[in-house]
Amino acid sequence: PIPGPSAPLAALTASGLPSDAFLFAGFLPVKSGQRLTRLEALKAVPATLIFFESPRRLADSLAAMVEALGGERKAAIGRELTKTFEEMRTGTLQALADHYAAADTPKGEIVVCVGPAEARVDEPEDIDRLLLSLAAEMPASKAAAEAAKMTGGQKQALYRRLLDLRETSGESDSG
């Protein structure tokens, strides 16, 4: 689609999914339980999610995404982007999971884009999950600012909530 050094951005651009807000989540954990926990934490994020995935784990990761995020979410799989044999496949998570469960293991670099959650983040548990998910990727102050943009909440209140959550769980952060 668009040549350049960034496969996640090339995949997002070609996916047709909303690009006004996105979260690059890197590789999902290898172990299935940890993978589901990570996906559950990202479930309510109102932004397009972008992951790298290994060709060998793609089918399992898509099945986990269906379980944790719901099969009706729109998604796109980019393979070998900006290279000669690039491929982009779009559909629902369920349709893509079914396709890759039945197909041979793909070759090359894989980028998975998952459309944003439809529901608003307004339940306290959802906001807590969002805060903790963002805080895993960035300093607490920036996580609170991003959560405020996504939820319409107040940055200071979200920052205090994140600090409370971390204090309860025994974590700390200098951000």
N, C-alpha and C. Protein backbone atom coordinates (compact mmCIF):
# COMPACT_ATOMS: atom_id res chain seq x y z
N PRO A 1 0.81 -1.20 0.00
CA PRO A 1 0.00 0.00 0.00
C PRO A 1 0.85 1.27 0.00
N ILE A 2 1.55 1.55 1.08
CA ILE A 2 2.37 2.75 1.18
C ILE A 2 3.76 2.33 1.63
N PRO A 3 4.76 2.55 0.81
CA PRO A 3 6.10 2.15 1.22
C PRO A 3 6.58 2.98 2.40
N GLY A 4 7.39 2.35 3.23
CA GLY A 4 7.93 3.06 4.37
C GLY A 4 8.46 2.10 5.40
N PRO A 5 9.10 2.62 6.42
CA PRO A 5 9.75 1.77 7.41
C PRO A 5 8.81 1.23 8.49
N SER A 6 7.56 1.65 8.52
CA SER A 6 6.68 1.30 9.61
C SER A 6 5.55 0.38 9.17
N ALA A 7 5.72 -0.92 9.39
CA ALA A 7 4.67 -1.87 9.02
C ALA A 7 3.36 -1.61 9.77
N PRO A 8 3.38 -1.26 11.07
CA PRO A 8 2.10 -1.00 11.75
C PRO A 8 1.32 0.14 11.10
N LEU A 9 1.99 1.21 10.73
CA LEU A 9 1.28 2.33 10.11
C LEU A 9 0.83 2.00 8.69
N ALA A 10 1.64 1.25 7.96
CA ALA A 10 1.22 0.82 6.62
C ALA A 10 -0.02 -0.07 6.73
N ALA A 11 -0.04 -0.98 7.71
CA ALA A 11 -1.20 -1.86 7.90
C ALA A 11 -2.43 -1.06 8.28
N LEU A 12 -2.27 -0.12 9.19
CA LEU A 12 -3.40 0.72 9.62
C LEU A 12 -3.97 1.49 8.44
N THR A 13 -3.10 2.06 7.63
CA THR A 13 -3.53 2.84 6.48
C THR A 13 -4.30 1.97 5.48
N ALA A 14 -3.81 0.78 5.23
CA ALA A 14 -4.43 -0.10 4.24
C ALA A 14 -5.65 -0.85 4.78
N SER A 15 -5.81 -0.91 6.09
CA SER A 15 -6.87 -1.72 6.70
C SER A 15 -8.27 -1.17 6.49
N GLY A 16 -8.38 0.14 6.32
CA GLY A 16 -9.70 0.75 6.23
C GLY A 16 -10.34 0.96 7.59
N LEU A 17 -9.64 0.64 8.66
CA LEU A 17 -10.15 0.82 10.02
C LEU A 17 -9.89 2.26 10.47
N PRO A 18 -10.63 2.73 11.47
CA PRO A 18 -10.42 4.11 11.95
C PRO A 18 -8.96 4.34 12.36
N SER A 19 -8.43 5.48 11.93
CA SER A 19 -7.03 5.79 12.24
C SER A 19 -6.89 7.03 13.10
N ASP A 20 -8.01 7.58 13.57
CA ASP A 20 -7.93 8.78 14.40
C ASP A 20 -7.34 8.49 15.77
N ALA A 21 -7.53 7.28 16.26
CA ALA A 21 -6.91 6.84 17.52
C ALA A 21 -6.51 5.38 17.34
N PHE A 22 -5.26 5.07 17.68
CA PHE A 22 -4.82 3.68 17.59
C PHE A 22 -3.82 3.40 18.69
N LEU A 23 -3.70 2.12 19.03
CA LEU A 23 -2.76 1.69 20.07
C LEU A 23 -1.93 0.55 19.49
N PHE A 24 -0.62 0.76 19.41
CA PHE A 24 0.27 -0.30 18.97
C PHE A 24 0.63 -1.12 20.21
N ALA A 25 0.23 -2.38 20.22
CA ALA A 25 0.41 -3.23 21.40
C ALA A 25 1.54 -4.23 21.24
N GLY A 26 2.30 -4.17 20.16
CA GLY A 26 3.44 -5.07 19.99
C GLY A 26 3.00 -6.52 19.82
N PHE A 27 3.83 -7.44 20.30
CA PHE A 27 3.51 -8.86 20.25
C PHE A 27 2.66 -9.25 21.45
N LEU A 28 1.69 -10.12 21.24
CA LEU A 28 0.92 -10.69 22.35
C LEU A 28 1.78 -11.73 23.06
N PRO A 29 1.50 -12.00 24.34
CA PRO A 29 2.24 -13.04 25.05
C PRO A 29 2.10 -14.40 24.36
N VAL A 30 3.12 -15.24 24.51
CA VAL A 30 3.13 -16.56 23.90
C VAL A 30 2.14 -17.49 24.60
N LYS A 31 2.10 -17.46 25.92
CA LYS A 31 1.23 -18.37 26.69
C LYS A 31 -0.23 -17.93 26.57
N SER A 32 -1.11 -18.91 26.34
CA SER A 32 -2.51 -18.59 26.04
C SER A 32 -3.21 -17.84 27.16
N GLY A 33 -2.96 -18.20 28.42
CA GLY A 33 -3.61 -17.52 29.54
C GLY A 33 -3.19 -16.06 29.62
N GLN A 34 -1.90 -15.82 29.45
CA GLN A 34 -1.40 -14.44 29.47
C GLN A 34 -1.91 -13.65 28.27
N ARG A 35 -2.04 -14.33 27.13
CA ARG A 35 -2.55 -13.69 25.93
C ARG A 35 -3.99 -13.22 26.14
N LEU A 36 -4.82 -14.10 26.71
CA LEU A 36 -6.21 -13.73 26.98
C LEU A 36 -6.30 -12.59 27.98
N THR A 37 -5.47 -12.62 29.01
CA THR A 37 -5.47 -11.56 30.01
C THR A 37 -5.13 -10.22 29.37
N ARG A 38 -4.13 -10.23 28.50
CA ARG A 38 -3.72 -8.99 27.82
C ARG A 38 -4.83 -8.48 26.91
N LEU A 39 -5.47 -9.39 26.17
CA LEU A 39 -6.56 -8.98 25.29
C LEU A 39 -7.76 -8.46 26.08
N GLU A 40 -8.07 -9.09 27.20
CA GLU A 40 -9.17 -8.62 28.06
C GLU A 40 -8.89 -7.19 28.52
N ALA A 41 -7.63 -6.90 28.84
CA ALA A 41 -7.26 -5.55 29.29
C ALA A 41 -7.45 -4.52 28.17
N LEU A 42 -7.36 -4.96 26.92
CA LEU A 42 -7.49 -4.06 25.78
C LEU A 42 -8.91 -4.00 25.22
N LYS A 43 -9.79 -4.82 25.74
CA LYS A 43 -11.14 -4.98 25.18
C LYS A 43 -11.90 -3.66 25.02
N ALA A 44 -11.83 -2.80 26.02
CA ALA A 44 -12.64 -1.58 26.00
C ALA A 44 -11.92 -0.38 25.41
N VAL A 45 -10.71 -0.54 24.93
CA VAL A 45 -9.97 0.59 24.38
C VAL A 45 -10.69 1.08 23.11
N PRO A 46 -11.14 2.34 23.11
CA PRO A 46 -11.88 2.84 21.95
C PRO A 46 -10.95 3.34 20.84
N ALA A 47 -10.03 2.48 20.43
CA ALA A 47 -9.07 2.82 19.39
C ALA A 47 -8.75 1.55 18.61
N THR A 48 -8.28 1.71 17.39
CA THR A 48 -7.84 0.56 16.62
C THR A 48 -6.59 -0.02 17.28
N LEU A 49 -6.60 -1.33 17.49
CA LEU A 49 -5.49 -2.03 18.12
C LEU A 49 -4.60 -2.62 17.03
N ILE A 50 -3.29 -2.49 17.20
CA ILE A 50 -2.34 -3.01 16.21
C ILE A 50 -1.36 -3.93 16.92
N PHE A 51 -1.20 -5.14 16.38
CA PHE A 51 -0.32 -6.15 16.97
C PHE A 51 0.64 -6.68 15.91
N PHE A 52 1.82 -7.07 16.33
CA PHE A 52 2.68 -7.93 15.52
C PHE A 52 2.33 -9.36 15.93
N GLU A 53 2.45 -10.31 14.99
CA GLU A 53 2.22 -11.70 15.36
C GLU A 53 3.11 -12.60 14.53
N SER A 54 3.49 -13.71 15.14
CA SER A 54 4.29 -14.72 14.47
C SER A 54 3.37 -15.54 13.57
N PRO A 55 3.83 -15.92 12.38
CA PRO A 55 2.99 -16.74 11.50
C PRO A 55 2.50 -18.02 12.19
N ARG A 56 3.35 -18.64 13.01
CA ARG A 56 2.97 -19.89 13.69
C ARG A 56 1.86 -19.68 14.73
N ARG A 57 1.80 -18.50 15.32
CA ARG A 57 0.81 -18.24 16.38
C ARG A 57 -0.41 -17.48 15.89
N LEU A 58 -0.46 -17.12 14.61
CA LEU A 58 -1.54 -16.27 14.12
C LEU A 58 -2.92 -16.88 14.37
N ALA A 59 -3.13 -18.14 14.01
CA ALA A 59 -4.45 -18.76 14.18
C ALA A 59 -4.86 -18.78 15.65
N ASP A 60 -3.94 -19.14 16.55
CA ASP A 60 -4.25 -19.16 17.98
C ASP A 60 -4.55 -17.77 18.51
N SER A 61 -3.80 -16.79 18.07
CA SER A 61 -4.03 -15.42 18.53
C SER A 61 -5.36 -14.89 18.03
N LEU A 62 -5.72 -15.19 16.79
CA LEU A 62 -7.02 -14.76 16.28
C LEU A 62 -8.16 -15.41 17.05
N ALA A 63 -8.01 -16.70 17.38
CA ALA A 63 -9.04 -17.38 18.19
C ALA A 63 -9.16 -16.72 19.56
N ALA A 64 -8.05 -16.34 20.16
CA ALA A 64 -8.07 -15.65 21.45
C ALA A 64 -8.73 -14.28 21.32
N MET A 65 -8.48 -13.60 20.21
CA MET A 65 -9.10 -12.29 19.99
C MET A 65 -10.61 -12.42 19.87
N VAL A 66 -11.07 -13.46 19.17
CA VAL A 66 -12.51 -13.70 19.07
C VAL A 66 -13.09 -13.91 20.46
N GLU A 67 -12.42 -14.72 21.27
CA GLU A 67 -12.90 -15.01 22.62
C GLU A 67 -12.91 -13.76 23.50
N ALA A 68 -11.85 -12.98 23.46
CA ALA A 68 -11.72 -11.84 24.37
C ALA A 68 -12.39 -10.57 23.86
N LEU A 69 -12.32 -10.32 22.55
CA LEU A 69 -12.79 -9.06 22.00
C LEU A 69 -14.14 -9.17 21.30
N GLY A 70 -14.52 -10.38 20.91
CA GLY A 70 -15.77 -10.59 20.19
C GLY A 70 -15.53 -10.80 18.71
N GLY A 71 -16.23 -11.75 18.13
CA GLY A 71 -16.01 -12.13 16.74
C GLY A 71 -16.50 -11.14 15.71
N GLU A 72 -17.36 -10.20 16.11
CA GLU A 72 -17.93 -9.26 15.15
C GLU A 72 -17.07 -8.02 14.90
N ARG A 73 -16.00 -7.87 15.68
CA ARG A 73 -15.15 -6.69 15.47
C ARG A 73 -14.46 -6.77 14.12
N LYS A 74 -14.39 -5.65 13.43
CA LYS A 74 -13.72 -5.59 12.14
C LYS A 74 -12.22 -5.68 12.36
N ALA A 75 -11.55 -6.33 11.42
CA ALA A 75 -10.11 -6.54 11.57
C ALA A 75 -9.46 -6.65 10.20
N ALA A 76 -8.14 -6.59 10.20
CA ALA A 76 -7.36 -6.74 8.98
C ALA A 76 -6.03 -7.41 9.32
N ILE A 77 -5.58 -8.28 8.43
CA ILE A 77 -4.30 -8.95 8.59
C ILE A 77 -3.42 -8.52 7.42
N GLY A 78 -2.28 -7.93 7.74
CA GLY A 78 -1.32 -7.54 6.72
C GLY A 78 -0.13 -8.47 6.77
N ARG A 79 0.31 -8.93 5.61
CA ARG A 79 1.44 -9.85 5.54
C ARG A 79 2.45 -9.31 4.53
N GLU A 80 3.72 -9.31 4.95
CA GLU A 80 4.80 -8.87 4.06
C GLU A 80 4.52 -7.48 3.48
N LEU A 81 4.06 -6.56 4.31
CA LEU A 81 3.70 -5.23 3.84
C LEU A 81 4.91 -4.49 3.28
N THR A 82 4.66 -3.74 2.25
CA THR A 82 5.65 -2.94 1.50
C THR A 82 6.68 -3.81 0.80
N LYS A 83 6.38 -5.09 0.63
CA LYS A 83 7.29 -5.99 -0.07
C LYS A 83 6.59 -6.54 -1.31
N THR A 84 7.30 -7.30 -2.10
CA THR A 84 6.78 -7.80 -3.37
C THR A 84 5.50 -8.62 -3.22
N PHE A 85 5.45 -9.50 -2.21
CA PHE A 85 4.32 -10.40 -2.08
C PHE A 85 3.37 -9.98 -0.96
N GLU A 86 3.19 -8.66 -0.80
CA GLU A 86 2.32 -8.18 0.27
C GLU A 86 0.89 -8.67 0.08
N GLU A 87 0.21 -8.82 1.21
CA GLU A 87 -1.17 -9.29 1.19
C GLU A 87 -1.92 -8.59 2.32
N MET A 88 -3.16 -8.19 2.06
CA MET A 88 -4.01 -7.59 3.07
C MET A 88 -5.35 -8.30 3.02
N ARG A 89 -5.77 -8.86 4.14
CA ARG A 89 -7.05 -9.57 4.21
C ARG A 89 -7.89 -8.89 5.28
N THR A 90 -9.14 -8.56 4.96
CA THR A 90 -10.02 -7.88 5.91
C THR A 90 -11.29 -8.69 6.14
N GLY A 91 -11.95 -8.40 7.23
CA GLY A 91 -13.21 -9.06 7.58
C GLY A 91 -13.46 -8.93 9.07
N THR A 92 -14.39 -9.73 9.57
CA THR A 92 -14.59 -9.75 11.02
C THR A 92 -13.51 -10.62 11.64
N LEU A 93 -13.30 -10.45 12.94
CA LEU A 93 -12.33 -11.32 13.62
C LEU A 93 -12.69 -12.78 13.44
N GLN A 94 -14.00 -13.10 13.53
CA GLN A 94 -14.42 -14.49 13.39
C GLN A 94 -14.09 -15.03 12.00
N ALA A 95 -14.38 -14.26 10.96
CA ALA A 95 -14.10 -14.71 9.59
C ALA A 95 -12.60 -14.91 9.38
N LEU A 96 -11.80 -13.99 9.89
CA LEU A 96 -10.35 -14.12 9.75
C LEU A 96 -9.83 -15.31 10.56
N ALA A 97 -10.36 -15.50 11.76
CA ALA A 97 -9.95 -16.65 12.59
C ALA A 97 -10.29 -17.95 11.88
N ASP A 98 -11.48 -18.03 11.29
CA ASP A 98 -11.88 -19.24 10.56
C ASP A 98 -10.95 -19.48 9.37
N HIS A 99 -10.64 -18.42 8.64
CA HIS A 99 -9.77 -18.56 7.46
C HIS A 99 -8.39 -19.09 7.86
N TYR A 100 -7.76 -18.47 8.85
CA TYR A 100 -6.40 -18.86 9.21
C TYR A 100 -6.35 -20.17 9.98
N ALA A 101 -7.46 -20.59 10.60
CA ALA A 101 -7.51 -21.90 11.25
C ALA A 101 -7.47 -23.01 10.20
N ALA A 102 -8.07 -22.74 9.03
CA ALA A 102 -8.15 -23.75 7.97
C ALA A 102 -7.00 -23.65 6.97
N ALA A 103 -6.32 -22.52 6.93
CA ALA A 103 -5.27 -22.29 5.92
C ALA A 103 -3.92 -22.83 6.39
N ASP A 104 -3.02 -22.98 5.44
CA ASP A 104 -1.63 -23.30 5.79
C ASP A 104 -1.04 -22.13 6.57
N THR A 105 -0.02 -22.41 7.36
CA THR A 105 0.64 -21.35 8.12
C THR A 105 1.19 -20.32 7.14
N PRO A 106 0.81 -19.05 7.33
CA PRO A 106 1.32 -18.03 6.41
C PRO A 106 2.82 -17.83 6.61
N LYS A 107 3.44 -17.23 5.63
CA LYS A 107 4.87 -16.93 5.73
C LYS A 107 5.03 -15.42 5.84
N GLY A 108 6.12 -15.00 6.47
CA GLY A 108 6.45 -13.58 6.49
C GLY A 108 6.02 -12.85 7.75
N GLU A 109 6.20 -11.54 7.70
CA GLU A 109 5.87 -10.67 8.82
C GLU A 109 4.37 -10.40 8.82
N ILE A 110 3.76 -10.51 10.00
CA ILE A 110 2.31 -10.36 10.14
C ILE A 110 1.99 -9.16 11.03
N VAL A 111 1.05 -8.33 10.58
CA VAL A 111 0.51 -7.24 11.40
C VAL A 111 -1.00 -7.44 11.46
N VAL A 112 -1.54 -7.43 12.68
CA VAL A 112 -2.98 -7.59 12.89
C VAL A 112 -3.54 -6.26 13.38
N CYS A 113 -4.58 -5.76 12.71
CA CYS A 113 -5.28 -4.55 13.13
C CYS A 113 -6.70 -4.95 13.52
N VAL A 114 -7.15 -4.49 14.68
CA VAL A 114 -8.50 -4.79 15.16
C VAL A 114 -9.22 -3.47 15.40
N GLY A 115 -10.40 -3.35 14.82
CA GLY A 115 -11.18 -2.12 14.97
C GLY A 115 -11.51 -1.82 16.42
N PRO A 116 -11.84 -0.56 16.69
CA PRO A 116 -12.08 -0.14 18.07
C PRO A 116 -13.34 -0.75 18.67
N ALA A 117 -13.36 -0.77 19.99
CA ALA A 117 -14.54 -1.23 20.72
C ALA A 117 -15.69 -0.30 20.39
N GLU A 118 -16.86 -0.85 20.21
CA GLU A 118 -18.04 -0.04 19.90
C GLU A 118 -18.59 0.66 21.14
N ALA A 119 -18.58 -0.07 22.26
CA ALA A 119 -19.18 0.47 23.47
C ALA A 119 -18.29 1.54 24.08
N ARG A 120 -18.94 2.51 24.71
CA ARG A 120 -18.19 3.55 25.43
C ARG A 120 -17.59 2.96 26.68
N VAL A 121 -16.47 3.52 27.09
CA VAL A 121 -15.83 3.12 28.33
C VAL A 121 -16.44 3.98 29.43
N ASP A 122 -17.44 3.43 30.13
CA ASP A 122 -18.06 4.24 31.17
C ASP A 122 -18.25 3.49 32.48
N GLU A 123 -18.04 2.20 32.46
CA GLU A 123 -18.11 1.43 33.70
C GLU A 123 -16.78 1.56 34.43
N PRO A 124 -16.79 1.67 35.76
CA PRO A 124 -15.53 1.82 36.51
C PRO A 124 -14.53 0.71 36.21
N GLU A 125 -15.00 -0.54 36.06
CA GLU A 125 -14.07 -1.65 35.78
C GLU A 125 -13.42 -1.47 34.41
N ASP A 126 -14.20 -0.98 33.43
CA ASP A 126 -13.65 -0.74 32.10
C ASP A 126 -12.59 0.36 32.13
N ILE A 127 -12.86 1.41 32.88
CA ILE A 127 -11.91 2.51 32.99
C ILE A 127 -10.64 2.03 33.69
N ASP A 128 -10.80 1.22 34.73
CA ASP A 128 -9.63 0.67 35.42
C ASP A 128 -8.78 -0.17 34.46
N ARG A 129 -9.44 -1.03 33.67
CA ARG A 129 -8.71 -1.86 32.71
C ARG A 129 -7.99 -0.99 31.68
N LEU A 130 -8.68 0.04 31.20
CA LEU A 130 -8.08 0.95 30.23
C LEU A 130 -6.85 1.63 30.83
N LEU A 131 -6.98 2.15 32.04
CA LEU A 131 -5.86 2.83 32.69
C LEU A 131 -4.66 1.90 32.85
N LEU A 132 -4.91 0.69 33.33
CA LEU A 132 -3.81 -0.26 33.55
C LEU A 132 -3.18 -0.69 32.23
N SER A 133 -4.00 -0.85 31.20
CA SER A 133 -3.47 -1.23 29.89
C SER A 133 -2.57 -0.12 29.33
N LEU A 134 -3.05 1.11 29.40
CA LEU A 134 -2.24 2.22 28.91
C LEU A 134 -0.98 2.41 29.75
N ALA A 135 -1.10 2.24 31.06
CA ALA A 135 0.04 2.43 31.96
C ALA A 135 1.11 1.36 31.74
N ALA A 136 0.73 0.23 31.17
CA ALA A 136 1.72 -0.80 30.85
C ALA A 136 2.59 -0.37 29.67
N GLU A 137 2.11 0.59 28.88
CA GLU A 137 2.80 1.02 27.68
C GLU A 137 3.49 2.38 27.81
N MET A 138 3.14 3.16 28.86
CA MET A 138 3.64 4.54 28.97
C MET A 138 3.61 4.99 30.42
N PRO A 139 4.25 6.12 30.73
CA PRO A 139 4.22 6.64 32.10
C PRO A 139 2.79 6.95 32.56
N ALA A 140 2.59 6.95 33.87
CA ALA A 140 1.26 7.13 34.45
C ALA A 140 0.62 8.45 34.01
N SER A 141 1.37 9.53 33.98
CA SER A 141 0.79 10.82 33.62
C SER A 141 0.29 10.82 32.18
N LYS A 142 1.06 10.20 31.29
CA LYS A 142 0.64 10.12 29.89
C LYS A 142 -0.55 9.16 29.74
N ALA A 143 -0.54 8.06 30.50
CA ALA A 143 -1.66 7.12 30.46
C ALA A 143 -2.95 7.81 30.89
N ALA A 144 -2.87 8.63 31.94
CA ALA A 144 -4.05 9.36 32.41
C ALA A 144 -4.53 10.35 31.35
N ALA A 145 -3.60 11.02 30.69
CA ALA A 145 -3.97 11.98 29.64
C ALA A 145 -4.65 11.27 28.47
N GLU A 146 -4.10 10.13 28.04
CA GLU A 146 -4.71 9.36 26.95
C GLU A 146 -6.09 8.85 27.34
N ALA A 147 -6.21 8.33 28.57
CA ALA A 147 -7.51 7.84 29.04
C ALA A 147 -8.53 8.97 29.10
N ALA A 148 -8.09 10.17 29.48
CA ALA A 148 -8.99 11.32 29.52
C ALA A 148 -9.52 11.64 28.12
N LYS A 149 -8.62 11.58 27.11
CA LYS A 149 -9.05 11.83 25.73
C LYS A 149 -10.07 10.79 25.28
N MET A 150 -9.82 9.53 25.64
CA MET A 150 -10.67 8.43 25.18
C MET A 150 -12.02 8.38 25.89
N THR A 151 -12.06 8.77 27.15
CA THR A 151 -13.29 8.61 27.94
C THR A 151 -14.01 9.91 28.21
N GLY A 152 -13.33 11.03 28.01
CA GLY A 152 -13.93 12.31 28.36
C GLY A 152 -13.81 12.63 29.84
N GLY A 153 -13.10 11.78 30.57
CA GLY A 153 -12.91 12.00 32.01
C GLY A 153 -11.86 13.07 32.27
N GLN A 154 -11.72 13.43 33.54
CA GLN A 154 -10.73 14.44 33.92
C GLN A 154 -9.37 13.78 34.15
N LYS A 155 -8.35 14.37 33.56
CA LYS A 155 -7.00 13.80 33.64
C LYS A 155 -6.54 13.60 35.08
N GLN A 156 -6.73 14.62 35.92
CA GLN A 156 -6.25 14.52 37.30
C GLN A 156 -6.95 13.40 38.06
N ALA A 157 -8.26 13.27 37.86
CA ALA A 157 -9.01 12.21 38.54
C ALA A 157 -8.56 10.83 38.06
N LEU A 158 -8.31 10.71 36.76
CA LEU A 158 -7.85 9.43 36.22
C LEU A 158 -6.44 9.11 36.70
N TYR A 159 -5.60 10.13 36.81
CA TYR A 159 -4.24 9.93 37.31
C TYR A 159 -4.29 9.43 38.76
N ARG A 160 -5.11 10.08 39.58
CA ARG A 160 -5.25 9.64 40.98
C ARG A 160 -5.78 8.21 41.05
N ARG A 161 -6.74 7.89 40.18
CA ARG A 161 -7.30 6.53 40.16
C ARG A 161 -6.21 5.52 39.79
N LEU A 162 -5.40 5.84 38.81
CA LEU A 162 -4.32 4.95 38.41
C LEU A 162 -3.33 4.75 39.56
N LEU A 163 -2.97 5.83 40.25
CA LEU A 163 -2.07 5.69 41.39
C LEU A 163 -2.69 4.82 42.48
N ASP A 164 -4.00 4.98 42.71
CA ASP A 164 -4.69 4.13 43.69
C ASP A 164 -4.65 2.67 43.27
N LEU A 165 -4.90 2.41 41.98
CA LEU A 165 -4.87 1.04 41.47
C LEU A 165 -3.48 0.43 41.65
N ARG A 166 -2.46 1.21 41.35
CA ARG A 166 -1.09 0.71 41.49
C ARG A 166 -0.73 0.48 42.95
N GLU A 167 -1.18 1.38 43.83
CA GLU A 167 -0.90 1.22 45.26
C GLU A 167 -1.55 -0.05 45.78
N THR A 168 -2.77 -0.31 45.34
CA THR A 168 -3.50 -1.52 45.74
C THR A 168 -2.78 -2.77 45.28
N SER A 169 -2.21 -2.71 44.05
CA SER A 169 -1.53 -3.89 43.51
C SER A 169 -0.05 -3.93 43.85
N GLY A 170 0.47 -2.87 44.49
CA GLY A 170 1.87 -2.86 44.89
C GLY A 170 2.83 -2.39 43.82
N GLU A 171 2.33 -1.83 42.71
CA GLU A 171 3.19 -1.32 41.64
C GLU A 171 3.56 0.12 41.94
N SER A 172 4.58 0.60 41.23
CA SER A 172 4.93 2.02 41.33
C SER A 172 5.41 2.50 39.98
N ASP A 173 5.41 3.84 39.82
CA ASP A 173 5.84 4.45 38.56
C ASP A 173 6.25 5.89 38.84
N SER A 174 7.26 6.34 38.17
CA SER A 174 7.72 7.70 38.39
C SER A 174 7.04 8.71 37.48
N GLY A 175 6.19 8.22 36.51
CA GLY A 175 5.58 9.12 35.54
C GLY A 175 4.34 9.68 36.05
